[in-house]
Structure formats: C-alpha cells, structure tokens
Amino acid sequence: MRTALAAGLLSLCLFACPKGPTTTVMGSDDEQMDRYASQLEEIRTRGEVDCKDACSLKGKVCDISSAACAIAGKNADRDDFQKKCVTSQEDCASFNEKCSTCSK
C-alpha cells in the first residue's frame, strides 16, 4: 500500500509540474522575438534609405519578418508577438515597395 501511494505521489509530482518555456540554442521565443524586433528597429532608425540600400536590405528585413511571424504562429495566444509580426510584415512591404520603385 505504501509503495503504491509513494509511486502515485511521485508520478503526480513528475507529471503535474508546470513546464517552463522551451529554450533552444537560439534562446526562448521571447528572446528570439526581442532580437528580431531590435534588428528591425536598428534598420528602421537608419533614416532615409536610398534605392540601393533598400534593395540590399529587403532580403534581410523580409527574412527577419518571416522568422518573427513563425514565432508568432507558434504562440497564437500572445498579442505582443502578433503585433511584432504585423509590424515586421509592414517593414518588409515597405522595403519591397521602395526597392521596386528604383530604376533598374
């Protein structure tokens, strides 16, 4: 009886404990999202970007946007992640538009 009770308590402790945030080599989703938001903010604060710079940066901006939105997709309940995804998509669209208006 005691063995069964001890086993029951042990299994309850192991399976009832809340799981912490998933951390990968790149960090938690919060850390990754903060990193992406910081990178986009740094690009945004460079000031007026000419055509050449817009075309060279659009790939990087859109890659960051895709990564940020992938994290937001995994965390659909996080409004802050959804807003960062939308902002990053707007940045991507802005750089694409600016680059597309350049004469080739």
Protein backbone atom coordinates (compact mmCIF):
# COMPACT_ATOMS: atom_id res chain seq x y z
CA MET A 1 0.00 0.00 0.00
CA ARG A 2 2.76 2.44 0.92
CA THR A 3 4.66 1.59 -2.24
CA ALA A 4 1.60 2.29 -4.37
CA LEU A 5 0.97 5.56 -2.55
CA ALA A 6 4.61 6.63 -2.92
CA ALA A 7 4.57 5.74 -6.63
CA GLY A 8 1.34 7.67 -7.07
CA LEU A 9 2.76 10.76 -5.38
CA LEU A 10 5.97 10.54 -7.37
CA SER A 11 4.12 10.30 -10.68
CA LEU A 12 1.84 13.16 -9.66
CA CYS A 13 4.87 15.35 -8.91
CA LEU A 14 6.54 14.46 -12.19
CA PHE A 15 3.54 14.99 -14.41
CA ALA A 16 1.76 17.79 -12.55
CA CYS A 17 4.68 20.21 -12.53
CA PRO A 18 4.23 23.08 -14.96
CA LYS A 19 6.61 23.07 -17.85
CA GLY A 20 8.91 26.04 -18.28
CA PRO A 21 9.36 27.89 -21.54
CA THR A 22 11.02 25.96 -24.31
CA THR A 23 14.58 27.10 -24.83
CA THR A 24 16.56 26.30 -27.94
CA VAL A 25 20.15 27.02 -28.82
CA MET A 26 18.95 30.40 -30.10
CA GLY A 27 17.10 31.15 -26.84
CA SER A 28 13.48 31.21 -25.85
CA ASP A 29 10.78 32.54 -28.16
CA ASP A 30 10.74 35.77 -26.11
CA GLU A 31 14.49 36.22 -26.56
CA GLN A 32 14.35 35.47 -30.27
CA MET A 33 11.41 37.83 -30.81
CA ASP A 34 13.21 40.59 -28.91
CA ARG A 35 16.31 40.04 -31.04
CA TYR A 36 14.30 40.26 -34.27
CA ALA A 37 12.44 43.37 -33.11
CA SER A 38 15.76 45.02 -32.18
CA GLN A 39 17.29 44.22 -35.56
CA LEU A 40 14.31 45.71 -37.38
CA GLU A 41 14.33 48.77 -35.14
CA GLU A 42 18.01 49.30 -35.90
CA ILE A 43 17.31 49.16 -39.64
CA ARG A 44 14.29 51.47 -39.27
CA THR A 45 16.29 54.11 -37.39
CA ARG A 46 18.94 54.46 -40.08
CA GLY A 47 16.91 57.28 -41.53
CA GLU A 48 16.01 57.73 -45.17
CA VAL A 49 17.15 54.72 -47.17
CA ASP A 50 18.04 55.16 -50.83
CA CYS A 51 17.07 52.65 -53.52
CA LYS A 52 20.37 50.78 -53.48
CA ASP A 53 20.21 50.29 -49.70
CA ALA A 54 16.52 49.38 -49.78
CA CYS A 55 17.16 46.67 -52.35
CA SER A 56 20.12 45.28 -50.42
CA LEU A 57 18.24 45.31 -47.10
CA LYS A 58 14.86 43.99 -48.25
CA GLY A 59 16.01 40.35 -48.16
CA LYS A 60 17.30 40.70 -44.60
CA VAL A 61 14.19 42.57 -43.44
CA CYS A 62 11.84 40.03 -45.02
CA ASP A 63 13.83 37.10 -43.60
CA ILE A 64 13.59 38.61 -40.13
CA SER A 65 9.87 39.18 -40.69
CA SER A 66 9.35 35.54 -41.69
CA ALA A 67 11.20 34.33 -38.61
CA ALA A 68 9.24 36.67 -36.32
CA CYS A 69 5.94 35.57 -37.81
CA ALA A 70 6.91 31.91 -37.44
CA ILE A 71 7.38 32.50 -33.72
CA ALA A 72 4.10 34.41 -33.58
CA GLY A 73 2.40 31.47 -35.30
CA LYS A 74 3.65 29.09 -32.60
CA ASN A 75 2.37 31.49 -29.94
CA ALA A 76 -1.03 32.49 -31.35
CA ASP A 77 -2.27 33.46 -27.89
CA ARG A 78 0.41 36.17 -27.49
CA ASP A 79 -0.90 39.53 -28.70
CA ASP A 80 2.54 41.12 -28.36
CA PHE A 81 4.01 38.56 -30.76
CA GLN A 82 1.16 39.10 -33.23
CA LYS A 83 1.78 42.87 -33.20
CA LYS A 84 5.51 42.36 -33.79
CA CYS A 85 4.70 40.05 -36.70
CA VAL A 86 2.41 42.65 -38.29
CA THR A 87 4.99 45.40 -37.79
CA SER A 88 7.70 43.26 -39.35
CA GLN A 89 5.45 42.47 -42.33
CA GLU A 90 4.88 46.20 -42.80
CA ASP A 91 8.64 46.75 -42.75
CA CYS A 92 9.12 44.02 -45.36
CA ALA A 93 6.42 45.53 -47.58
CA SER A 94 7.94 49.00 -47.20
CA PHE A 95 11.39 47.84 -48.29
CA ASN A 96 9.93 45.84 -51.19
CA GLU A 97 7.94 48.86 -52.35
CA LYS A 98 10.88 51.21 -52.07
CA CYS A 99 13.11 48.79 -53.98
CA SER A 100 10.51 48.20 -56.69
CA THR A 101 10.32 51.93 -57.44
CA CYS A 102 14.05 52.07 -58.20
CA SER A 103 15.08 52.28 -61.83
CA LYS A 104 16.82 49.07 -62.80
